Amino acid sequence: IVAHRSPVGLDPEYAASLQGNSYIFTWEWFYPAEDYHLFRPTEALQAR
C-alpha cells in the first residue's frame, strides 16, 4: 500500500491492475477520506 500510494490515492495504473479478488491487510489509508458517513454510531452510543 505504502509503495503504491500518493497523496491522492493509489497509483491509477496499479489500482486498475487489481483484477479479480484482492485481499488487503493494512493499517494505512490508501485514499484520502471524502467523509465518514459509512460510520454511524449505534443509537445508544449516539445518545451518549
All heavy atoms as atom14 arrays in JSON, in Angstrom:
{
  "sequence": "IVAHRSPVGLDPEYAASLQGNSYIFTWEWFYPAEDYHLFRPTEALQAR",
  "atom14_mask": [
    [1, 1, 1, 1, 1, 1, 1, 1, 0, 0, 0, 0, 0, 0],
    [1, 1, 1, 1, 1, 1, 1, 0, 0, 0, 0, 0, 0, 0],
    [1, 1, 1, 1, 1, 0, 0, 0, 0, 0, 0, 0, 0, 0],
    [1, 1, 1, 1, 1, 1, 1, 1, 1, 1, 0, 0, 0, 0],
    [1, 1, 1, 1, 1, 1, 1, 1, 1, 1, 1, 0, 0, 0],
    [1, 1, 1, 1, 1, 1, 0, 0, 0, 0, 0, 0, 0, 0],
    [1, 1, 1, 1, 1, 1, 1, 0, 0, 0, 0, 0, 0, 0],
    [1, 1, 1, 1, 1, 1, 1, 0, 0, 0, 0, 0, 0, 0],
    [1, 1, 1, 1, 0, 0, 0, 0, 0, 0, 0, 0, 0, 0],
    [1, 1, 1, 1, 1, 1, 1, 1, 0, 0, 0, 0, 0, 0],
    [1, 1, 1, 1, 1, 1, 1, 1, 0, 0, 0, 0, 0, 0],
    [1, 1, 1, 1, 1, 1, 1, 0, 0, 0, 0, 0, 0, 0],
    [1, 1, 1, 1, 1, 1, 1, 1, 1, 0, 0, 0, 0, 0],
    [1, 1, 1, 1, 1, 1, 1, 1, 1, 1, 1, 1, 0, 0],
    [1, 1, 1, 1, 1, 0, 0, 0, 0, 0, 0, 0, 0, 0],
    [1, 1, 1, 1, 1, 0, 0, 0, 0, 0, 0, 0, 0, 0],
    [1, 1, 1, 1, 1, 1, 0, 0, 0, 0, 0, 0, 0, 0],
    [1, 1, 1, 1, 1, 1, 1, 1, 0, 0, 0, 0, 0, 0],
    [1, 1, 1, 1, 1, 1, 1, 1, 1, 0, 0, 0, 0, 0],
    [1, 1, 1, 1, 0, 0, 0, 0, 0, 0, 0, 0, 0, 0],
    [1, 1, 1, 1, 1, 1, 1, 1, 0, 0, 0, 0, 0, 0],
    [1, 1, 1, 1, 1, 1, 0, 0, 0, 0, 0, 0, 0, 0],
    [1, 1, 1, 1, 1, 1, 1, 1, 1, 1, 1, 1, 0, 0],
    [1, 1, 1, 1, 1, 1, 1, 1, 0, 0, 0, 0, 0, 0],
    [1, 1, 1, 1, 1, 1, 1, 1, 1, 1, 1, 0, 0, 0],
    [1, 1, 1, 1, 1, 1, 1, 0, 0, 0, 0, 0, 0, 0],
    [1, 1, 1, 1, 1, 1, 1, 1, 1, 1, 1, 1, 1, 1],
    [1, 1, 1, 1, 1, 1, 1, 1, 1, 0, 0, 0, 0, 0],
    [1, 1, 1, 1, 1, 1, 1, 1, 1, 1, 1, 1, 1, 1],
    [1, 1, 1, 1, 1, 1, 1, 1, 1, 1, 1, 0, 0, 0],
    [1, 1, 1, 1, 1, 1, 1, 1, 1, 1, 1, 1, 0, 0],
    [1, 1, 1, 1, 1, 1, 1, 0, 0, 0, 0, 0, 0, 0],
    [1, 1, 1, 1, 1, 0, 0, 0, 0, 0, 0, 0, 0, 0],
    [1, 1, 1, 1, 1, 1, 1, 1, 1, 0, 0, 0, 0, 0],
    [1, 1, 1, 1, 1, 1, 1, 1, 0, 0, 0, 0, 0, 0],
    [1, 1, 1, 1, 1, 1, 1, 1, 1, 1, 1, 1, 0, 0],
    [1, 1, 1, 1, 1, 1, 1, 1, 1, 1, 0, 0, 0, 0],
    [1, 1, 1, 1, 1, 1, 1, 1, 0, 0, 0, 0, 0, 0],
    [1, 1, 1, 1, 1, 1, 1, 1, 1, 1, 1, 0, 0, 0],
    [1, 1, 1, 1, 1, 1, 1, 1, 1, 1, 1, 0, 0, 0],
    [1, 1, 1, 1, 1, 1, 1, 0, 0, 0, 0, 0, 0, 0],
    [1, 1, 1, 1, 1, 1, 1, 0, 0, 0, 0, 0, 0, 0],
    [1, 1, 1, 1, 1, 1, 1, 1, 1, 0, 0, 0, 0, 0],
    [1, 1, 1, 1, 1, 0, 0, 0, 0, 0, 0, 0, 0, 0],
    [1, 1, 1, 1, 1, 1, 1, 1, 0, 0, 0, 0, 0, 0],
    [1, 1, 1, 1, 1, 1, 1, 1, 1, 0, 0, 0, 0, 0],
    [1, 1, 1, 1, 1, 0, 0, 0, 0, 0, 0, 0, 0, 0],
    [1, 1, 1, 1, 1, 1, 1, 1, 1, 1, 1, 0, 0, 0]
  ],
  "atom14_positions": [
    [[0.83, -1.2, 0.0], [0.0, 0.0, 0.0], [0.87, 1.25, 0.0], [0.68, 2.18, -0.8], [-0.94, 0.0, 1.22], [-2.0, -1.09, 1.1], [-1.57, 1.37, 1.43], [-2.96, -0.89, -0.05], [0.0, 0.0, 0.0], [0.0, 0.0, 0.0], [0.0, 0.0, 0.0], [0.0, 0.0, 0.0], [0.0, 0.0, 0.0], [0.0, 0.0, 0.0]],
    [[1.84, 1.3, 0.9], [2.7, 2.48, 1.02], [3.51, 2.69, -0.26], [3.7, 3.83, -0.73], [3.63, 2.35, 2.24], [4.66, 3.47, 2.27], [2.81, 2.35, 3.53], [0.0, 0.0, 0.0], [0.0, 0.0, 0.0], [0.0, 0.0, 0.0], [0.0, 0.0, 0.0], [0.0, 0.0, 0.0], [0.0, 0.0, 0.0], [0.0, 0.0, 0.0]],
    [[3.97, 1.61, -0.87], [4.8, 1.72, -2.07], [4.04, 2.27, -3.27], [4.65, 2.88, -4.16], [5.38, 0.35, -2.41], [0.0, 0.0, 0.0], [0.0, 0.0, 0.0], [0.0, 0.0, 0.0], [0.0, 0.0, 0.0], [0.0, 0.0, 0.0], [0.0, 0.0, 0.0], [0.0, 0.0, 0.0], [0.0, 0.0, 0.0], [0.0, 0.0, 0.0]],
    [[2.73, 2.07, -3.31], [1.95, 2.48, -4.48], [0.97, 3.62, -4.16], [0.05, 3.88, -4.94], [1.17, 1.29, -5.04], [2.05, 0.21, -5.6], [2.47, -0.86, -4.85], [2.61, 0.07, -6.83], [3.24, -1.64, -5.6], [3.35, -1.1, -6.79], [0.0, 0.0, 0.0], [0.0, 0.0, 0.0], [0.0, 0.0, 0.0], [0.0, 0.0, 0.0]],
    [[1.18, 4.3, -3.05], [0.26, 5.35, -2.6], [0.85, 6.73, -2.86], [2.05, 6.95, -2.69], [-0.02, 5.17, -1.11], [-0.97, 6.19, -0.51], [-1.1, 5.99, 0.98], [0.15, 6.31, 1.68], [0.3, 6.21, 2.99], [-0.69, 5.77, 3.75], [1.46, 6.53, 3.56], [0.0, 0.0, 0.0], [0.0, 0.0, 0.0], [0.0, 0.0, 0.0]],
    [[-0.01, 7.65, -3.26], [0.35, 9.06, -3.38], [-0.62, 9.85, -2.5], [-1.55, 9.28, -1.93], [0.23, 9.51, -4.83], [-1.14, 9.67, -5.19], [0.0, 0.0, 0.0], [0.0, 0.0, 0.0], [0.0, 0.0, 0.0], [0.0, 0.0, 0.0], [0.0, 0.0, 0.0], [0.0, 0.0, 0.0], [0.0, 0.0, 0.0], [0.0, 0.0, 0.0]],
    [[-0.42, 11.16, -2.36], [-1.36, 11.95, -1.54], [-2.81, 11.89, -2.01], [-3.72, 12.17, -1.22], [-0.79, 13.37, -1.65], [0.67, 13.19, -1.89], [0.75, 11.97, -2.77], [0.0, 0.0, 0.0], [0.0, 0.0, 0.0], [0.0, 0.0, 0.0], [0.0, 0.0, 0.0], [0.0, 0.0, 0.0], [0.0, 0.0, 0.0], [0.0, 0.0, 0.0]],
    [[-3.04, 11.53, -3.27], [-4.41, 11.47, -3.78], [-4.93, 10.04, -3.9], [-6.05, 9.83, -4.36], [-4.52, 12.18, -5.15], [-4.21, 13.66, -4.99], [-3.59, 11.55, -6.18], [0.0, 0.0, 0.0], [0.0, 0.0, 0.0], [0.0, 0.0, 0.0], [0.0, 0.0, 0.0], [0.0, 0.0, 0.0], [0.0, 0.0, 0.0], [0.0, 0.0, 0.0]],
    [[-4.13, 9.06, -3.49], [-4.61, 7.68, -3.51], [-3.66, 6.74, -4.22], [-2.52, 7.09, -4.54], [0.0, 0.0, 0.0], [0.0, 0.0, 0.0], [0.0, 0.0, 0.0], [0.0, 0.0, 0.0], [0.0, 0.0, 0.0], [0.0, 0.0, 0.0], [0.0, 0.0, 0.0], [0.0, 0.0, 0.0], [0.0, 0.0, 0.0], [0.0, 0.0, 0.0]],
    [[-4.13, 5.53, -4.47], [-3.32, 4.55, -5.17], [-3.01, 5.01, -6.59], [-3.84, 5.67, -7.23], [-4.03, 3.2, -5.22], [-4.11, 2.37, -3.94], [-4.85, 1.07, -4.21], [-2.72, 2.08, -3.38], [0.0, 0.0, 0.0], [0.0, 0.0, 0.0], [0.0, 0.0, 0.0], [0.0, 0.0, 0.0], [0.0, 0.0, 0.0], [0.0, 0.0, 0.0]],
    [[-1.84, 4.65, -7.06], [-1.5, 4.93, -8.45], [-2.57, 4.32, -9.35], [-2.92, 3.13, -9.21], [-0.15, 4.3, -8.77], [0.19, 4.42, -10.24], [0.59, 5.52, -10.64], [0.04, 3.42, -10.96], [0.0, 0.0, 0.0], [0.0, 0.0, 0.0], [0.0, 0.0, 0.0], [0.0, 0.0, 0.0], [0.0, 0.0, 0.0], [0.0, 0.0, 0.0]],
    [[-3.17, 5.11, -10.26], [-4.29, 4.61, -11.06], [-3.98, 3.34, -11.84], [-4.83, 2.44, -11.93], [-4.59, 5.78, -12.0], [-4.12, 6.99, -11.26], [-2.9, 6.53, -10.51], [0.0, 0.0, 0.0], [0.0, 0.0, 0.0], [0.0, 0.0, 0.0], [0.0, 0.0, 0.0], [0.0, 0.0, 0.0], [0.0, 0.0, 0.0], [0.0, 0.0, 0.0]],
    [[-2.78, 3.25, -12.41], [-2.44, 2.05, -13.17], [-2.34, 0.84, -12.25], [-2.77, -0.27, -12.61], [-1.12, 2.25, -13.92], [-1.21, 3.25, -15.06], [0.07, 3.3, -15.87], [0.97, 2.46, -15.64], [0.16, 4.17, -16.76], [0.0, 0.0, 0.0], [0.0, 0.0, 0.0], [0.0, 0.0, 0.0], [0.0, 0.0, 0.0], [0.0, 0.0, 0.0]],
    [[-1.78, 1.06, -11.06], [-1.69, -0.05, -10.11], [-3.07, -0.49, -9.67], [-3.37, -1.69, -9.62], [-0.85, 0.37, -8.91], [-0.69, -0.72, -7.87], [0.14, -1.8, -8.11], [-1.39, -0.65, -6.66], [0.28, -2.81, -7.16], [-1.25, -1.65, -5.7], [-0.41, -2.73, -5.96], [-0.28, -3.72, -5.02], [0.0, 0.0, 0.0], [0.0, 0.0, 0.0]],
    [[-3.93, 0.48, -9.35], [-5.29, 0.14, -8.93], [-6.03, -0.62, -10.02], [-6.72, -1.62, -9.76], [-6.05, 1.41, -8.56], [0.0, 0.0, 0.0], [0.0, 0.0, 0.0], [0.0, 0.0, 0.0], [0.0, 0.0, 0.0], [0.0, 0.0, 0.0], [0.0, 0.0, 0.0], [0.0, 0.0, 0.0], [0.0, 0.0, 0.0], [0.0, 0.0, 0.0]],
    [[-5.87, -0.18, -11.28], [-6.55, -0.85, -12.39], [-6.05, -2.27, -12.6], [-6.77, -3.1, -13.17], [-6.37, -0.02, -13.66], [0.0, 0.0, 0.0], [0.0, 0.0, 0.0], [0.0, 0.0, 0.0], [0.0, 0.0, 0.0], [0.0, 0.0, 0.0], [0.0, 0.0, 0.0], [0.0, 0.0, 0.0], [0.0, 0.0, 0.0], [0.0, 0.0, 0.0]],
    [[-4.83, -2.55, -12.16], [-4.26, -3.89, -12.34], [-4.83, -4.91, -11.36], [-4.6, -6.11, -11.51], [-2.74, -3.84, -12.18], [-2.37, -3.66, -10.81], [0.0, 0.0, 0.0], [0.0, 0.0, 0.0], [0.0, 0.0, 0.0], [0.0, 0.0, 0.0], [0.0, 0.0, 0.0], [0.0, 0.0, 0.0], [0.0, 0.0, 0.0], [0.0, 0.0, 0.0]],
    [[-5.57, -4.44, -10.37], [-6.09, -5.34, -9.34], [-7.38, -6.0, -9.81], [-8.48, -5.74, -9.3], [-6.32, -4.56, -8.04], [-5.08, -3.87, -7.45], [-5.45, -3.06, -6.22], [-4.02, -4.91, -7.09], [0.0, 0.0, 0.0], [0.0, 0.0, 0.0], [0.0, 0.0, 0.0], [0.0, 0.0, 0.0], [0.0, 0.0, 0.0], [0.0, 0.0, 0.0]],
    [[-7.24, -6.86, -10.79], [-8.38, -7.58, -11.33], [-8.61, -8.86, -10.53], [-7.68, -9.49, -10.05], [-8.14, -7.91, -12.8], [-7.92, -6.68, -13.67], [-9.11, -5.74, -13.67], [-10.25, -6.19, -13.8], [-8.85, -4.45, -13.53], [0.0, 0.0, 0.0], [0.0, 0.0, 0.0], [0.0, 0.0, 0.0], [0.0, 0.0, 0.0], [0.0, 0.0, 0.0]],
    [[-9.88, -9.25, -10.4], [-10.2, -10.42, -9.6], [-10.21, -10.08, -8.12], [-10.08, -8.91, -7.73], [0.0, 0.0, 0.0], [0.0, 0.0, 0.0], [0.0, 0.0, 0.0], [0.0, 0.0, 0.0], [0.0, 0.0, 0.0], [0.0, 0.0, 0.0], [0.0, 0.0, 0.0], [0.0, 0.0, 0.0], [0.0, 0.0, 0.0], [0.0, 0.0, 0.0]],
    [[-10.36, -11.09, -7.28], [-10.4, -10.85, -5.84], [-9.07, -10.32, -5.32], [-8.01, -10.87, -5.62], [-10.75, -12.14, -5.1], [-12.2, -12.54, -5.29], [-12.96, -11.82, -5.94], [-12.59, -13.68, -4.75], [0.0, 0.0, 0.0], [0.0, 0.0, 0.0], [0.0, 0.0, 0.0], [0.0, 0.0, 0.0], [0.0, 0.0, 0.0], [0.0, 0.0, 0.0]],
    [[-9.14, -9.25, -4.54], [-7.94, -8.65, -3.95], [-8.09, -8.61, -2.44], [-9.09, -8.08, -1.93], [-7.71, -7.24, -4.5], [-7.47, -7.27, -5.88], [0.0, 0.0, 0.0], [0.0, 0.0, 0.0], [0.0, 0.0, 0.0], [0.0, 0.0, 0.0], [0.0, 0.0, 0.0], [0.0, 0.0, 0.0], [0.0, 0.0, 0.0], [0.0, 0.0, 0.0]],
    [[-7.11, -9.17, -1.75], [-7.1, -9.2, -0.28], [-6.11, -8.16, 0.21], [-4.93, -8.18, -0.18], [-6.7, -10.6, 0.2], [-6.87, -10.84, 1.68], [-7.93, -11.61, 2.15], [-5.97, -10.32, 2.61], [-8.09, -11.86, 3.51], [-6.12, -10.56, 3.97], [-7.18, -11.33, 4.41], [-7.34, -11.57, 5.76], [0.0, 0.0, 0.0], [0.0, 0.0, 0.0]],
    [[-6.56, -7.24, 1.06], [-5.72, -6.15, 1.53], [-5.65, -6.18, 3.05], [-6.68, -6.07, 3.73], [-6.26, -4.78, 1.06], [-6.39, -4.76, -0.46], [-5.36, -3.65, 1.55], [-7.04, -3.49, -1.0], [0.0, 0.0, 0.0], [0.0, 0.0, 0.0], [0.0, 0.0, 0.0], [0.0, 0.0, 0.0], [0.0, 0.0, 0.0], [0.0, 0.0, 0.0]],
    [[-4.45, -6.33, 3.58], [-4.22, -6.28, 5.02], [-3.34, -5.08, 5.32], [-2.18, -5.01, 4.91], [-3.54, -7.56, 5.5], [-3.06, -7.47, 6.93], [-3.97, -7.47, 7.97], [-1.7, -7.37, 7.23], [-3.54, -7.38, 9.29], [-1.27, -7.27, 8.54], [-2.19, -7.28, 9.58], [0.0, 0.0, 0.0], [0.0, 0.0, 0.0], [0.0, 0.0, 0.0]],
    [[-3.91, -4.08, 6.01], [-3.15, -2.86, 6.26], [-3.77, -2.06, 7.39], [-4.94, -2.25, 7.74], [-3.11, -1.98, 4.99], [-2.27, -0.86, 5.21], [-4.5, -1.51, 4.6], [0.0, 0.0, 0.0], [0.0, 0.0, 0.0], [0.0, 0.0, 0.0], [0.0, 0.0, 0.0], [0.0, 0.0, 0.0], [0.0, 0.0, 0.0], [0.0, 0.0, 0.0]],
    [[-2.97, -1.14, 7.94], [-3.48, -0.13, 8.86], [-3.33, 1.26, 8.25], [-3.59, 2.25, 8.89], [-2.73, -0.19, 10.2], [-1.23, -0.07, 10.08], [-0.49, 1.08, 10.04], [-0.3, -1.14, 9.99], [0.84, 0.79, 9.92], [1.0, -0.58, 9.89], [-0.43, -2.54, 9.97], [2.14, -1.36, 9.78], [0.71, -3.31, 9.85], [1.98, -2.72, 9.77]],
    [[-2.91, 1.32, 6.99], [-2.67, 2.58, 6.29], [-3.86, 2.95, 5.41], [-4.5, 2.09, 4.8], [-1.42, 2.48, 5.41], [-0.13, 2.28, 6.17], [0.43, 3.59, 6.71], [-0.17, 4.66, 6.45], [1.48, 3.54, 7.37], [0.0, 0.0, 0.0], [0.0, 0.0, 0.0], [0.0, 0.0, 0.0], [0.0, 0.0, 0.0], [0.0, 0.0, 0.0]],
    [[-4.15, 4.26, 5.31], [-5.13, 4.72, 4.33], [-4.5, 4.59, 2.94], [-3.28, 4.67, 2.79], [-5.54, 6.17, 4.59], [-4.42, 7.16, 4.48], [-3.56, 7.55, 5.46], [-4.01, 7.86, 3.3], [-2.64, 8.45, 4.97], [-2.89, 8.66, 3.65], [-4.47, 7.9, 1.97], [-2.25, 9.49, 2.73], [-3.82, 8.72, 1.06], [-2.73, 9.5, 1.45]],
    [[-5.33, 4.4, 1.93], [-4.79, 4.43, 0.57], [-5.64, 5.27, -0.36], [-5.4, 5.34, -1.56], [-4.54, 3.03, -0.01], [-5.63, 2.02, 0.23], [-6.54, 1.71, -0.75], [-5.71, 1.35, 1.45], [-7.52, 0.77, -0.55], [-6.69, 0.39, 1.67], [-7.61, 0.1, 0.67], [0.0, 0.0, 0.0], [0.0, 0.0, 0.0], [0.0, 0.0, 0.0]],
    [[-6.64, 5.95, 0.18], [-7.33, 7.06, -0.47], [-7.7, 8.04, 0.62], [-8.12, 7.64, 1.71], [-8.61, 6.61, -1.19], [-8.35, 5.87, -2.48], [-8.38, 4.48, -2.52], [-8.07, 6.56, -3.66], [-8.14, 3.79, -3.69], [-7.82, 5.87, -4.83], [-7.86, 4.49, -4.84], [-7.61, 3.81, -6.01], [0.0, 0.0, 0.0], [0.0, 0.0, 0.0]],
    [[-7.54, 9.34, 0.38], [-7.97, 10.31, 1.4], [-9.48, 10.21, 1.6], [-10.23, 9.97, 0.65], [-7.56, 11.66, 0.8], [-7.32, 11.42, -0.64], [-6.98, 9.98, -0.82], [0.0, 0.0, 0.0], [0.0, 0.0, 0.0], [0.0, 0.0, 0.0], [0.0, 0.0, 0.0], [0.0, 0.0, 0.0], [0.0, 0.0, 0.0], [0.0, 0.0, 0.0]],
    [[-9.9, 10.36, 2.85], [-11.32, 10.19, 3.17], [-12.15, 11.34, 2.61], [-11.8, 12.51, 2.78], [-11.5, 10.1, 4.68], [0.0, 0.0, 0.0], [0.0, 0.0, 0.0], [0.0, 0.0, 0.0], [0.0, 0.0, 0.0], [0.0, 0.0, 0.0], [0.0, 0.0, 0.0], [0.0, 0.0, 0.0], [0.0, 0.0, 0.0], [0.0, 0.0, 0.0]],
    [[-13.24, 11.01, 1.93], [-14.18, 12.03, 1.48], [-15.02, 12.5, 2.66], [-15.28, 13.68, 2.83], [-15.07, 11.46, 0.37], [-14.27, 11.01, -0.86], [-15.11, 10.21, -1.83], [-16.26, 9.88, -1.48], [-14.62, 9.91, -2.93], [0.0, 0.0, 0.0], [0.0, 0.0, 0.0], [0.0, 0.0, 0.0], [0.0, 0.0, 0.0], [0.0, 0.0, 0.0]],
    [[-15.47, 11.55, 3.43], [-16.21, 11.83, 4.66], [-16.29, 10.52, 5.44], [-15.67, 9.52, 5.07], [-17.62, 12.39, 4.36], [-18.44, 11.45, 3.47], [-18.45, 10.22, 3.73], [-19.07, 11.93, 2.52], [0.0, 0.0, 0.0], [0.0, 0.0, 0.0], [0.0, 0.0, 0.0], [0.0, 0.0, 0.0], [0.0, 0.0, 0.0], [0.0, 0.0, 0.0]],
    [[-17.06, 10.52, 6.52], [-17.16, 9.31, 7.35], [-18.61, 8.9, 7.5], [-19.02, 8.41, 8.56], [-16.48, 9.56, 8.69], [-14.97, 9.56, 8.56], [-14.29, 10.73, 8.25], [-14.24, 8.38, 8.66], [-12.91, 10.73, 8.08], [-12.87, 8.37, 8.49], [-12.21, 9.55, 8.2], [-10.85, 9.55, 8.02], [0.0, 0.0, 0.0], [0.0, 0.0, 0.0]],
    [[-19.39, 9.06, 6.43], [-20.82, 8.74, 6.52], [-21.06, 7.24, 6.65], [-22.16, 6.82, 7.04], [-21.56, 9.27, 5.29], [-21.42, 8.42, 4.07], [-20.35, 8.5, 3.21], [-22.2, 7.43, 3.58], [-20.48, 7.63, 2.23], [-21.6, 6.95, 2.43], [0.0, 0.0, 0.0], [0.0, 0.0, 0.0], [0.0, 0.0, 0.0], [0.0, 0.0, 0.0]],
    [[-20.05, 6.42, 6.34], [-20.22, 4.98, 6.48], [-20.39, 4.56, 7.93], [-20.92, 3.48, 8.21], [-19.0, 4.25, 5.91], [-18.68, 4.44, 4.42], [-17.38, 3.74, 4.09], [-19.82, 3.91, 3.56], [0.0, 0.0, 0.0], [0.0, 0.0, 0.0], [0.0, 0.0, 0.0], [0.0, 0.0, 0.0], [0.0, 0.0, 0.0], [0.0, 0.0, 0.0]],
    [[-19.95, 5.42, 8.85], [-19.88, 5.04, 10.26], [-20.88, 5.86, 11.07], [-20.67, 7.04, 11.35], [-18.46, 5.27, 10.79], [-17.4, 4.59, 9.96], [-16.71, 5.29, 8.98], [-17.13, 3.25, 10.13], [-15.75, 4.68, 8.21], [-16.17, 2.61, 9.36], [-15.48, 3.33, 8.39], [0.0, 0.0, 0.0], [0.0, 0.0, 0.0], [0.0, 0.0, 0.0]],
    [[-21.98, 5.23, 11.44], [-23.0, 5.87, 12.27], [-23.07, 5.11, 13.59], [-23.41, 3.92, 13.62], [-24.35, 5.84, 11.57], [-24.4, 6.66, 10.27], [-25.77, 6.58, 9.63], [-26.12, 5.21, 9.27], [-27.3, 4.64, 9.54], [-28.23, 5.33, 10.19], [-27.54, 3.4, 9.18], [0.0, 0.0, 0.0], [0.0, 0.0, 0.0], [0.0, 0.0, 0.0]],
    [[-22.72, 5.77, 14.69], [-22.75, 5.08, 15.98], [-24.13, 4.47, 16.26], [-25.15, 4.97, 15.77], [-22.43, 6.19, 16.99], [-21.66, 7.2, 16.19], [-22.26, 7.16, 14.82], [0.0, 0.0, 0.0], [0.0, 0.0, 0.0], [0.0, 0.0, 0.0], [0.0, 0.0, 0.0], [0.0, 0.0, 0.0], [0.0, 0.0, 0.0], [0.0, 0.0, 0.0]],
    [[-24.13, 3.39, 17.03], [-25.4, 2.8, 17.43], [-26.26, 3.86, 18.12], [-25.76, 4.89, 18.61], [-25.19, 1.63, 18.4], [-24.59, 2.13, 19.61], [-24.3, 0.56, 17.77], [0.0, 0.0, 0.0], [0.0, 0.0, 0.0], [0.0, 0.0, 0.0], [0.0, 0.0, 0.0], [0.0, 0.0, 0.0], [0.0, 0.0, 0.0], [0.0, 0.0, 0.0]],
    [[-27.54, 3.62, 18.18], [-28.45, 4.6, 18.78], [-28.08, 4.88, 20.24], [-28.12, 6.03, 20.69], [-29.89, 4.12, 18.68], [-30.42, 4.1, 17.25], [-31.89, 3.71, 17.18], [-32.48, 3.48, 18.26], [-32.43, 3.64, 16.06], [0.0, 0.0, 0.0], [0.0, 0.0, 0.0], [0.0, 0.0, 0.0], [0.0, 0.0, 0.0], [0.0, 0.0, 0.0]],
    [[-27.68, 3.84, 20.97], [-27.32, 4.03, 22.38], [-26.07, 4.89, 22.51], [-26.0, 5.79, 23.36], [-27.12, 2.68, 23.05], [0.0, 0.0, 0.0], [0.0, 0.0, 0.0], [0.0, 0.0, 0.0], [0.0, 0.0, 0.0], [0.0, 0.0, 0.0], [0.0, 0.0, 0.0], [0.0, 0.0, 0.0], [0.0, 0.0, 0.0], [0.0, 0.0, 0.0]],
    [[-25.07, 4.63, 21.66], [-23.84, 5.43, 21.72], [-24.09, 6.85, 21.23], [-23.54, 7.81, 21.79], [-22.74, 4.76, 20.89], [-22.11, 3.53, 21.53], [-21.2, 2.82, 20.53], [-21.34, 3.89, 22.78], [0.0, 0.0, 0.0], [0.0, 0.0, 0.0], [0.0, 0.0, 0.0], [0.0, 0.0, 0.0], [0.0, 0.0, 0.0], [0.0, 0.0, 0.0]],
    [[-24.92, 7.01, 20.21], [-25.22, 8.36, 19.71], [-25.93, 9.18, 20.77], [-25.69, 10.4, 20.89], [-26.07, 8.28, 18.45], [-26.27, 9.63, 17.77], [-24.97, 10.24, 17.29], [-24.23, 9.63, 16.52], [-24.69, 11.47, 17.72], [0.0, 0.0, 0.0], [0.0, 0.0, 0.0], [0.0, 0.0, 0.0], [0.0, 0.0, 0.0], [0.0, 0.0, 0.0]],
    [[-26.78, 8.54, 21.57], [-27.46, 9.26, 22.64], [-26.46, 9.78, 23.67], [-26.58, 10.9, 24.18], [-28.5, 8.36, 23.31], [0.0, 0.0, 0.0], [0.0, 0.0, 0.0], [0.0, 0.0, 0.0], [0.0, 0.0, 0.0], [0.0, 0.0, 0.0], [0.0, 0.0, 0.0], [0.0, 0.0, 0.0], [0.0, 0.0, 0.0], [0.0, 0.0, 0.0]],
    [[-25.44, 8.98, 23.97], [-24.4, 9.43, 24.9], [-23.58, 10.57, 24.3], [-23.22, 11.52, 25.0], [-23.47, 8.26, 25.26], [-24.11, 7.16, 26.08], [-23.1, 6.06, 26.4], [-21.96, 6.59, 27.13], [-20.8, 5.94, 27.26], [-20.62, 4.76, 26.67], [-19.8, 6.49, 27.96], [0.0, 0.0, 0.0], [0.0, 0.0, 0.0], [0.0, 0.0, 0.0]]
  ]
}
